[in-house]
Amino acid sequence: MIDIYQYSHRPKPHWSLEALMTLRALPFVGNKFTCPCCGWRLRAFTYGGASLKIRDLGYCPRCNSKARHRRIWLFLKQKTNLFVDRLHVFHVSPNYCLSRRLINLPNLDYVAGDHGNHPNIRIKMNLNNSPVHSESFDVILCNHVLEHIIEDHKAIAELFRILKPGGWAVISVPINFDKNTYEDRTLITPEERSRAFGEPNHVRIYGYDFSNRLERSGFHVSLDLGKDLDQHTREIYGLRDNENIFYCTKD
């Protein structure tokens, strides 16, 4: 097991990446939208990557945040203590648009884990068998990860295990509340999974029973629906009404 103080040192700033993203954002400066993840004022969103094409509710040209990342940032800012208290935070497979800000917050001991070599990762790991001590973190962030994991019950149990009593986790997944979770382990090719689950590397589509999956591991779950956000908030920050957040606590 790995103690939270024994992770690798904090990654160095990605100056070249930041410079390129700033240059890409300059043509998109405007007053129609605001990206809460980076604070830039924009006239439009893009298709992401190096694209300069405009896409409705797409990526922020400055930090590359998707609508779901902007939604998560607002939730964290408005409804949690993440920005005010001294906290140990574990971020599962983070998107750079979030990790670039969180890793520099002075009140956080921020640790990101993933199996790949992505920016700001401090520990390489498989979520189904994490090398982290039990009850190590005050906060866990796990967004659009579980739909990639075949044995998601093991991954959810690991999230519960490493969270401290009294801690909280923000979890989100693609979800269809009109149906039960659909998964089929016989579908193994990218083509089959794309047809069944919408993405070649997804292994299920979650449904209304997702809360039950979280609760079976011990979490207390409350749901924050994207459609409950007011229209002005959705418009100014470029949000979608189907980005839902499961706020999970541990007694």
C-alpha atoms as a PDB file:
ATOM      1  CA  MET A   1       0.000   0.000   0.000  1.00  0.00           C
ATOM      2  CA  ILE A   2       1.087   3.568  -0.697  1.00  0.00           C
ATOM      3  CA  ASP A   3       0.807   6.348   1.841  1.00  0.00           C
ATOM      4  CA  ILE A   4      -0.534   9.678   0.579  1.00  0.00           C
ATOM      5  CA  TYR A   5       2.744  11.383   1.492  1.00  0.00           C
ATOM      6  CA  GLN A   6       4.835   8.933  -0.539  1.00  0.00           C
ATOM      7  CA  TYR A   7       3.549   9.746  -3.999  1.00  0.00           C
ATOM      8  CA  SER A   8       5.854  11.179  -6.606  1.00  0.00           C
ATOM      9  CA  HIS A   9       6.522  14.894  -6.466  1.00  0.00           C
ATOM     10  CA  ARG A  10       4.060  17.286  -8.029  1.00  0.00           C
ATOM     11  CA  PRO A  11       4.353  17.367 -11.812  1.00  0.00           C
ATOM     12  CA  LYS A  12       6.051  20.326 -13.408  1.00  0.00           C
ATOM     13  CA  PRO A  13       3.884  22.970 -15.127  1.00  0.00           C
ATOM     14  CA  HIS A  14       3.147  22.239 -18.766  1.00  0.00           C
ATOM     15  CA  TRP A  15       4.304  25.608 -20.106  1.00  0.00           C
ATOM     16  CA  SER A  16       4.352  24.609 -23.785  1.00  0.00           C
ATOM     17  CA  LEU A  17       0.853  23.147 -23.608  1.00  0.00           C
ATOM     18  CA  GLU A  18      -0.437  26.208 -21.779  1.00  0.00           C
ATOM     19  CA  ALA A  19       1.121  28.524 -24.383  1.00  0.00           C
ATOM     20  CA  LEU A  20      -0.455  26.626 -27.278  1.00  0.00           C
ATOM     21  CA  MET A  21      -3.868  26.613 -25.624  1.00  0.00           C
ATOM     22  CA  THR A  22      -3.664  30.339 -24.967  1.00  0.00           C
ATOM     23  CA  LEU A  23      -2.818  31.047 -28.594  1.00  0.00           C
ATOM     24  CA  ARG A  24      -5.729  28.896 -29.766  1.00  0.00           C
ATOM     25  CA  ALA A  25      -8.107  30.744 -27.459  1.00  0.00           C
ATOM     26  CA  LEU A  26      -7.274  34.256 -28.628  1.00  0.00           C
ATOM     27  CA  PRO A  27      -9.535  34.194 -31.724  1.00  0.00           C
ATOM     28  CA  PHE A  28     -12.434  33.048 -29.512  1.00  0.00           C
ATOM     29  CA  VAL A  29     -12.322  35.877 -27.003  1.00  0.00           C
ATOM     30  CA  GLY A  30     -15.784  37.391 -26.600  1.00  0.00           C
ATOM     31  CA  ASN A  31     -18.642  38.111 -24.215  1.00  0.00           C
ATOM     32  CA  LYS A  32     -21.196  35.399 -24.925  1.00  0.00           C
ATOM     33  CA  PHE A  33     -19.868  32.609 -22.666  1.00  0.00           C
ATOM     34  CA  THR A  34     -17.668  32.186 -19.617  1.00  0.00           C
ATOM     35  CA  CYS A  35     -15.693  29.026 -18.916  1.00  0.00           C
ATOM     36  CA  PRO A  36     -15.775  28.452 -15.138  1.00  0.00           C
ATOM     37  CA  CYS A  37     -12.790  26.091 -15.339  1.00  0.00           C
ATOM     38  CA  CYS A  38     -10.347  28.722 -16.605  1.00  0.00           C
ATOM     39  CA  GLY A  39     -12.284  31.989 -16.338  1.00  0.00           C
ATOM     40  CA  TRP A  40     -11.976  32.983 -19.996  1.00  0.00           C
ATOM     41  CA  ARG A  41     -14.719  34.986 -21.678  1.00  0.00           C
ATOM     42  CA  LEU A  42     -15.595  33.496 -25.063  1.00  0.00           C
ATOM     43  CA  ARG A  43     -17.660  34.084 -28.162  1.00  0.00           C
ATOM     44  CA  ALA A  44     -17.934  30.349 -28.928  1.00  0.00           C
ATOM     45  CA  PHE A  45     -16.784  26.828 -28.047  1.00  0.00           C
ATOM     46  CA  THR A  46     -14.817  24.494 -30.328  1.00  0.00           C
ATOM     47  CA  TYR A  47     -14.520  20.847 -31.396  1.00  0.00           C
ATOM     48  CA  GLY A  48     -11.540  20.357 -29.074  1.00  0.00           C
ATOM     49  CA  GLY A  49      -7.975  19.325 -29.757  1.00  0.00           C
ATOM     50  CA  ALA A  50      -6.367  21.768 -32.175  1.00  0.00           C
ATOM     51  CA  SER A  51      -9.638  22.535 -33.936  1.00  0.00           C
ATOM     52  CA  LEU A  52     -10.671  26.125 -34.575  1.00  0.00           C
ATOM     53  CA  LYS A  53     -14.147  25.135 -35.744  1.00  0.00           C
ATOM     54  CA  ILE A  54     -17.093  26.334 -33.704  1.00  0.00           C
ATOM     55  CA  ARG A  55     -19.207  23.727 -31.922  1.00  0.00           C
ATOM     56  CA  ASP A  56     -22.315  24.437 -29.890  1.00  0.00           C
ATOM     57  CA  LEU A  57     -21.699  23.528 -26.210  1.00  0.00           C
ATOM     58  CA  GLY A  58     -18.334  22.085 -27.234  1.00  0.00           C
ATOM     59  CA  TYR A  59     -14.865  22.470 -25.770  1.00  0.00           C
ATOM     60  CA  CYS A  60     -13.456  25.622 -24.212  1.00  0.00           C
ATOM     61  CA  PRO A  61     -10.693  26.808 -26.570  1.00  0.00           C
ATOM     62  CA  ARG A  62      -8.535  27.943 -23.621  1.00  0.00           C
ATOM     63  CA  CYS A  63      -8.560  24.913 -21.292  1.00  0.00           C
ATOM     64  CA  ASN A  64     -10.294  22.259 -23.417  1.00  0.00           C
ATOM     65  CA  SER A  65     -13.085  21.695 -20.887  1.00  0.00           C
ATOM     66  CA  LYS A  66     -16.196  19.895 -22.064  1.00  0.00           C
ATOM     67  CA  ALA A  67     -19.667  20.823 -20.855  1.00  0.00           C
ATOM     68  CA  ARG A  68     -19.449  18.105 -18.191  1.00  0.00           C
ATOM     69  CA  HIS A  69     -16.199  19.534 -16.809  1.00  0.00           C
ATOM     70  CA  ARG A  70     -17.702  23.011 -16.575  1.00  0.00           C
ATOM     71  CA  ARG A  71     -20.699  21.519 -14.782  1.00  0.00           C
ATOM     72  CA  ILE A  72     -18.484  19.679 -12.278  1.00  0.00           C
ATOM     73  CA  TRP A  73     -16.387  22.788 -11.583  1.00  0.00           C
ATOM     74  CA  LEU A  74     -19.485  24.849 -10.826  1.00  0.00           C
ATOM     75  CA  PHE A  75     -20.835  22.153  -8.522  1.00  0.00           C
ATOM     76  CA  LEU A  76     -17.545  21.940  -6.647  1.00  0.00           C
ATOM     77  CA  LYS A  77     -17.375  25.712  -6.341  1.00  0.00           C
ATOM     78  CA  GLN A  78     -20.956  26.302  -5.274  1.00  0.00           C
ATOM     79  CA  LYS A  79     -21.884  23.209  -3.251  1.00  0.00           C
ATOM     80  CA  THR A  80     -18.739  21.821  -1.610  1.00  0.00           C
ATOM     81  CA  ASN A  81     -15.914  22.892   0.705  1.00  0.00           C
ATOM     82  CA  LEU A  82     -13.221  22.011  -1.850  1.00  0.00           C
ATOM     83  CA  PHE A  83     -11.946  25.567  -2.227  1.00  0.00           C
ATOM     84  CA  VAL A  84     -11.928  26.610   1.427  1.00  0.00           C
ATOM     85  CA  ASP A  85     -10.865  23.684   3.651  1.00  0.00           C
ATOM     86  CA  ARG A  86      -7.583  21.838   3.906  1.00  0.00           C
ATOM     87  CA  LEU A  87      -8.300  18.548   2.108  1.00  0.00           C
ATOM     88  CA  HIS A  88      -6.594  15.452   0.745  1.00  0.00           C
ATOM     89  CA  VAL A  89      -8.072  14.928  -2.723  1.00  0.00           C
ATOM     90  CA  PHE A  90      -7.876  11.892  -4.982  1.00  0.00           C
ATOM     91  CA  HIS A  91      -8.821  12.467  -8.639  1.00  0.00           C
ATOM     92  CA  VAL A  92      -9.406   9.410 -10.820  1.00  0.00           C
ATOM     93  CA  SER A  93      -8.234   9.736 -14.425  1.00  0.00           C
ATOM     94  CA  PRO A  94      -8.539  13.535 -14.446  1.00  0.00           C
ATOM     95  CA  ASN A  95      -9.065  15.715 -17.461  1.00  0.00           C
ATOM     96  CA  TYR A  96      -6.331  18.323 -17.797  1.00  0.00           C
ATOM     97  CA  CYS A  97      -8.786  21.221 -17.705  1.00  0.00           C
ATOM     98  CA  LEU A  98      -9.596  20.336 -14.081  1.00  0.00           C
ATOM     99  CA  SER A  99      -6.249  19.014 -12.852  1.00  0.00           C
ATOM    100  CA  ARG A 100      -4.351  22.105 -14.068  1.00  0.00           C
ATOM    101  CA  ARG A 101      -6.307  24.203 -11.581  1.00  0.00           C
ATOM    102  CA  LEU A 102      -6.797  21.791  -8.693  1.00  0.00           C
ATOM    103  CA  ILE A 103      -3.144  20.805  -8.449  1.00  0.00           C
ATOM    104  CA  ASN A 104      -2.203  24.424  -7.744  1.00  0.00           C
ATOM    105  CA  LEU A 105      -4.762  25.163  -5.036  1.00  0.00           C
ATOM    106  CA  PRO A 106      -2.781  25.802  -1.831  1.00  0.00           C
ATOM    107  CA  ASN A 107      -5.396  24.215   0.435  1.00  0.00           C
ATOM    108  CA  LEU A 108      -5.363  20.854  -1.369  1.00  0.00           C
ATOM    109  CA  ASP A 109      -3.036  17.892  -1.193  1.00  0.00           C
ATOM    110  CA  TYR A 110      -4.017  16.801  -4.683  1.00  0.00           C
ATOM    111  CA  VAL A 111      -3.221  13.316  -6.001  1.00  0.00           C
ATOM    112  CA  ALA A 112      -4.336  12.083  -9.413  1.00  0.00           C
ATOM    113  CA  GLY A 113      -4.238   8.443 -10.440  1.00  0.00           C
ATOM    114  CA  ASP A 114      -4.591   6.685 -13.770  1.00  0.00           C
ATOM    115  CA  HIS A 115      -3.176   3.734 -15.685  1.00  0.00           C
ATOM    116  CA  GLY A 116      -1.906   5.992 -18.485  1.00  0.00           C
ATOM    117  CA  ASN A 117       0.765   8.666 -18.782  1.00  0.00           C
ATOM    118  CA  HIS A 118      -1.421  11.755 -18.697  1.00  0.00           C
ATOM    119  CA  PRO A 119      -0.562  15.242 -17.410  1.00  0.00           C
ATOM    120  CA  ASN A 120      -0.539  15.731 -13.627  1.00  0.00           C
ATOM    121  CA  ILE A 121      -0.775  12.014 -12.785  1.00  0.00           C
ATOM    122  CA  ARG A 122       1.142  11.229  -9.597  1.00  0.00           C
ATOM    123  CA  ILE A 123       0.398   7.517  -9.302  1.00  0.00           C
ATOM    124  CA  LYS A 124      -0.117   4.869 -11.985  1.00  0.00           C
ATOM    125  CA  MET A 125      -2.814   2.449 -10.927  1.00  0.00           C
ATOM    126  CA  ASN A 126      -5.807   0.315 -11.789  1.00  0.00           C
ATOM    127  CA  LEU A 127      -8.899   1.501  -9.940  1.00  0.00           C
ATOM    128  CA  ASN A 128     -10.098  -2.068  -9.367  1.00  0.00           C
ATOM    129  CA  ASN A 129      -7.015  -2.733  -7.239  1.00  0.00           C
ATOM    130  CA  SER A 130      -5.751   0.579  -5.926  1.00  0.00           C
ATOM    131  CA  PRO A 131      -2.403   0.647  -4.037  1.00  0.00           C
ATOM    132  CA  VAL A 132      -3.704   3.352  -1.704  1.00  0.00           C
ATOM    133  CA  HIS A 133      -4.236   2.905   2.045  1.00  0.00           C
ATOM    134  CA  SER A 134      -7.831   2.675   3.245  1.00  0.00           C
ATOM    135  CA  GLU A 135      -9.439   5.913   4.455  1.00  0.00           C
ATOM    136  CA  SER A 136      -6.703   8.125   2.968  1.00  0.00           C
ATOM    137  CA  PHE A 137      -8.692  10.904   1.294  1.00  0.00           C
ATOM    138  CA  ASP A 138     -11.247  13.507   2.297  1.00  0.00           C
ATOM    139  CA  VAL A 139     -12.485  13.931  -1.274  1.00  0.00           C
ATOM    140  CA  ILE A 140     -12.677  11.715  -4.356  1.00  0.00           C
ATOM    141  CA  LEU A 141     -13.464  12.935  -7.858  1.00  0.00           C
ATOM    142  CA  CYS A 142     -14.429  10.253 -10.379  1.00  0.00           C
ATOM    143  CA  ASN A 143     -16.049  11.583 -13.518  1.00  0.00           C
ATOM    144  CA  HIS A 144     -16.927   9.525 -16.595  1.00  0.00           C
ATOM    145  CA  VAL A 145     -14.635   6.669 -15.588  1.00  0.00           C
ATOM    146  CA  LEU A 146     -16.828   3.795 -14.372  1.00  0.00           C
ATOM    147  CA  GLU A 147     -18.484   3.237 -17.753  1.00  0.00           C
ATOM    148  CA  HIS A 148     -15.054   2.073 -19.009  1.00  0.00           C
ATOM    149  CA  ILE A 149     -14.565  -0.558 -16.281  1.00  0.00           C
ATOM    150  CA  ILE A 150     -16.032  -4.054 -16.698  1.00  0.00           C
ATOM    151  CA  GLU A 151     -16.077  -4.900 -12.986  1.00  0.00           C
ATOM    152  CA  ASP A 152     -17.365  -1.546 -11.862  1.00  0.00           C
ATOM    153  CA  HIS A 153     -18.568  -2.946  -8.520  1.00  0.00           C
ATOM    154  CA  LYS A 154     -14.922  -3.489  -7.571  1.00  0.00           C
ATOM    155  CA  ALA A 155     -14.013   0.052  -8.629  1.00  0.00           C
ATOM    156  CA  ILE A 156     -16.876   1.557  -6.603  1.00  0.00           C
ATOM    157  CA  ALA A 157     -15.857  -0.519  -3.581  1.00  0.00           C
ATOM    158  CA  GLU A 158     -12.303   0.817  -3.913  1.00  0.00           C
ATOM    159  CA  LEU A 159     -13.569   4.393  -3.988  1.00  0.00           C
ATOM    160  CA  PHE A 160     -15.480   3.736  -0.792  1.00  0.00           C
ATOM    161  CA  ARG A 161     -12.492   2.022   0.824  1.00  0.00           C
ATOM    162  CA  ILE A 162     -10.002   4.842   0.286  1.00  0.00           C
ATOM    163  CA  LEU A 163     -12.443   7.600   1.294  1.00  0.00           C
ATOM    164  CA  LYS A 164     -12.219   8.775   4.906  1.00  0.00           C
ATOM    165  CA  PRO A 165     -15.288   8.552   7.142  1.00  0.00           C
ATOM    166  CA  GLY A 166     -17.042  11.897   6.844  1.00  0.00           C
ATOM    167  CA  GLY A 167     -15.587  12.396   3.383  1.00  0.00           C
ATOM    168  CA  TRP A 168     -17.411  12.897   0.110  1.00  0.00           C
ATOM    169  CA  ALA A 169     -17.094  11.852  -3.516  1.00  0.00           C
ATOM    170  CA  VAL A 170     -18.378  13.442  -6.702  1.00  0.00           C
ATOM    171  CA  ILE A 171     -19.153  10.777  -9.285  1.00  0.00           C
ATOM    172  CA  SER A 172     -20.661  11.174 -12.740  1.00  0.00           C
ATOM    173  CA  VAL A 173     -21.349   8.791 -15.612  1.00  0.00           C
ATOM    174  CA  PRO A 174     -23.266   8.867 -18.902  1.00  0.00           C
ATOM    175  CA  ILE A 175     -26.747   7.825 -17.850  1.00  0.00           C
ATOM    176  CA  ASN A 176     -30.249   7.187 -19.168  1.00  0.00           C
ATOM    177  CA  PHE A 177     -32.784   7.514 -16.348  1.00  0.00           C
ATOM    178  CA  ASP A 178     -35.548   6.013 -18.502  1.00  0.00           C
ATOM    179  CA  LYS A 179     -34.019   2.531 -18.426  1.00  0.00           C
ATOM    180  CA  ASN A 180     -32.147   0.095 -16.219  1.00  0.00           C
ATOM    181  CA  THR A 181     -28.385  -0.238 -16.696  1.00  0.00           C
ATOM    182  CA  TYR A 182     -27.574  -2.140 -19.871  1.00  0.00           C
ATOM    183  CA  GLU A 183     -24.357  -4.135 -20.210  1.00  0.00           C
ATOM    184  CA  ASP A 184     -23.317  -7.186 -22.207  1.00  0.00           C
ATOM    185  CA  ARG A 185     -19.897  -8.716 -21.632  1.00  0.00           C
ATOM    186  CA  THR A 186     -20.086 -10.688 -24.860  1.00  0.00           C
ATOM    187  CA  LEU A 187     -19.635  -7.426 -26.757  1.00  0.00           C
ATOM    188  CA  ILE A 188     -15.884  -6.982 -26.996  1.00  0.00           C
ATOM    189  CA  THR A 189     -15.041  -5.239 -30.261  1.00  0.00           C
ATOM    190  CA  PRO A 190     -15.034  -1.440 -30.598  1.00  0.00           C
ATOM    191  CA  GLU A 191     -17.689  -1.687 -33.291  1.00  0.00           C
ATOM    192  CA  GLU A 192     -20.015  -3.768 -31.119  1.00  0.00           C
ATOM    193  CA  ARG A 193     -19.576  -1.493 -28.130  1.00  0.00           C
ATOM    194  CA  SER A 194     -20.113   1.632 -30.196  1.00  0.00           C
ATOM    195  CA  ARG A 195     -23.433   0.297 -31.445  1.00  0.00           C
ATOM    196  CA  ALA A 196     -24.570  -0.867 -28.009  1.00  0.00           C
ATOM    197  CA  PHE A 197     -23.138   1.756 -25.654  1.00  0.00           C
ATOM    198  CA  GLY A 198     -22.409   4.782 -27.827  1.00  0.00           C
ATOM    199  CA  GLU A 199     -18.602   4.720 -27.497  1.00  0.00           C
ATOM    200  CA  PRO A 200     -16.035   2.078 -28.534  1.00  0.00           C
ATOM    201  CA  ASN A 201     -14.415   2.007 -25.089  1.00  0.00           C
ATOM    202  CA  HIS A 202     -17.613   1.980 -23.015  1.00  0.00           C
ATOM    203  CA  VAL A 203     -18.845  -1.296 -21.546  1.00  0.00           C
ATOM    204  CA  ARG A 204     -22.348  -0.251 -20.430  1.00  0.00           C
ATOM    205  CA  ILE A 205     -24.993   2.447 -20.407  1.00  0.00           C
ATOM    206  CA  TYR A 206     -25.992   3.284 -16.843  1.00  0.00           C
ATOM    207  CA  GLY A 207     -29.633   3.630 -15.924  1.00  0.00           C
ATOM    208  CA  TYR A 208     -31.848   4.619 -13.025  1.00  0.00           C
ATOM    209  CA  ASP A 209     -30.336   1.879 -10.829  1.00  0.00           C
ATOM    210  CA  PHE A 210     -26.895   3.535 -10.710  1.00  0.00           C
ATOM    211  CA  SER A 211     -27.591   5.008  -7.269  1.00  0.00           C
ATOM    212  CA  ASN A 212     -28.241   1.482  -6.011  1.00  0.00           C
ATOM    213  CA  ARG A 213     -24.830   0.360  -7.259  1.00  0.00           C
ATOM    214  CA  LEU A 214     -23.185   3.160  -5.300  1.00  0.00           C
ATOM    215  CA  GLU A 215     -25.242   2.483  -2.176  1.00  0.00           C
ATOM    216  CA  ARG A 216     -24.391  -1.227  -2.185  1.00  0.00           C
ATOM    217  CA  SER A 217     -20.779  -0.281  -1.498  1.00  0.00           C
ATOM    218  CA  GLY A 218     -21.834   1.809   1.505  1.00  0.00           C
ATOM    219  CA  PHE A 219     -22.226   5.297   0.061  1.00  0.00           C
ATOM    220  CA  HIS A 220     -25.076   7.613   0.930  1.00  0.00           C
ATOM    221  CA  VAL A 221     -26.094   9.157  -2.378  1.00  0.00           C
ATOM    222  CA  SER A 222     -27.822  12.375  -3.382  1.00  0.00           C
ATOM    223  CA  LEU A 223     -28.432  13.339  -6.997  1.00  0.00           C
ATOM    224  CA  ASP A 224     -27.880  16.801  -8.436  1.00  0.00           C
ATOM    225  CA  LEU A 225     -29.687  16.957 -11.784  1.00  0.00           C
ATOM    226  CA  GLY A 226     -28.343  19.030 -14.632  1.00  0.00           C
ATOM    227  CA  LYS A 227     -31.844  19.946 -15.753  1.00  0.00           C
ATOM    228  CA  ASP A 228     -32.470  21.654 -12.411  1.00  0.00           C
ATOM    229  CA  LEU A 229     -29.945  24.393 -13.218  1.00  0.00           C
ATOM    230  CA  ASP A 230     -31.560  27.633 -14.299  1.00  0.00           C
ATOM    231  CA  GLN A 231     -31.542  28.544 -17.961  1.00  0.00           C
ATOM    232  CA  HIS A 232     -29.224  31.539 -17.538  1.00  0.00           C
ATOM    233  CA  THR A 233     -26.562  29.406 -15.836  1.00  0.00           C
ATOM    234  CA  ARG A 234     -26.741  26.772 -18.558  1.00  0.00           C
ATOM    235  CA  GLU A 235     -26.463  29.394 -21.285  1.00  0.00           C
ATOM    236  CA  ILE A 236     -23.629  31.512 -19.882  1.00  0.00           C
ATOM    237  CA  TYR A 237     -21.422  28.525 -19.027  1.00  0.00           C
ATOM    238  CA  GLY A 238     -22.299  26.351 -21.999  1.00  0.00           C
ATOM    239  CA  LEU A 239     -23.859  23.486 -20.031  1.00  0.00           C
ATOM    240  CA  ARG A 240     -26.038  20.558 -21.054  1.00  0.00           C
ATOM    241  CA  ASP A 241     -29.119  19.547 -19.086  1.00  0.00           C
ATOM    242  CA  ASN A 242     -28.133  15.855 -18.966  1.00  0.00           C
ATOM    243  CA  GLU A 243     -24.916  16.238 -16.953  1.00  0.00           C
ATOM    244  CA  ASN A 244     -25.907  14.806 -13.583  1.00  0.00           C
ATOM    245  CA  ILE A 245     -23.774  14.568 -10.458  1.00  0.00           C
ATOM    246  CA  PHE A 246     -23.957  11.881  -7.782  1.00  0.00           C
ATOM    247  CA  TYR A 247     -22.768  13.330  -4.466  1.00  0.00           C
ATOM    248  CA  CYS A 248     -21.710  10.420  -2.265  1.00  0.00           C
ATOM    249  CA  THR A 249     -20.830  10.538   1.418  1.00  0.00           C
ATOM    250  CA  LYS A 250     -19.351   8.024   3.869  1.00  0.00           C
ATOM    251  CA  ASP A 251     -20.478   7.887   7.475  1.00  0.00           C
END
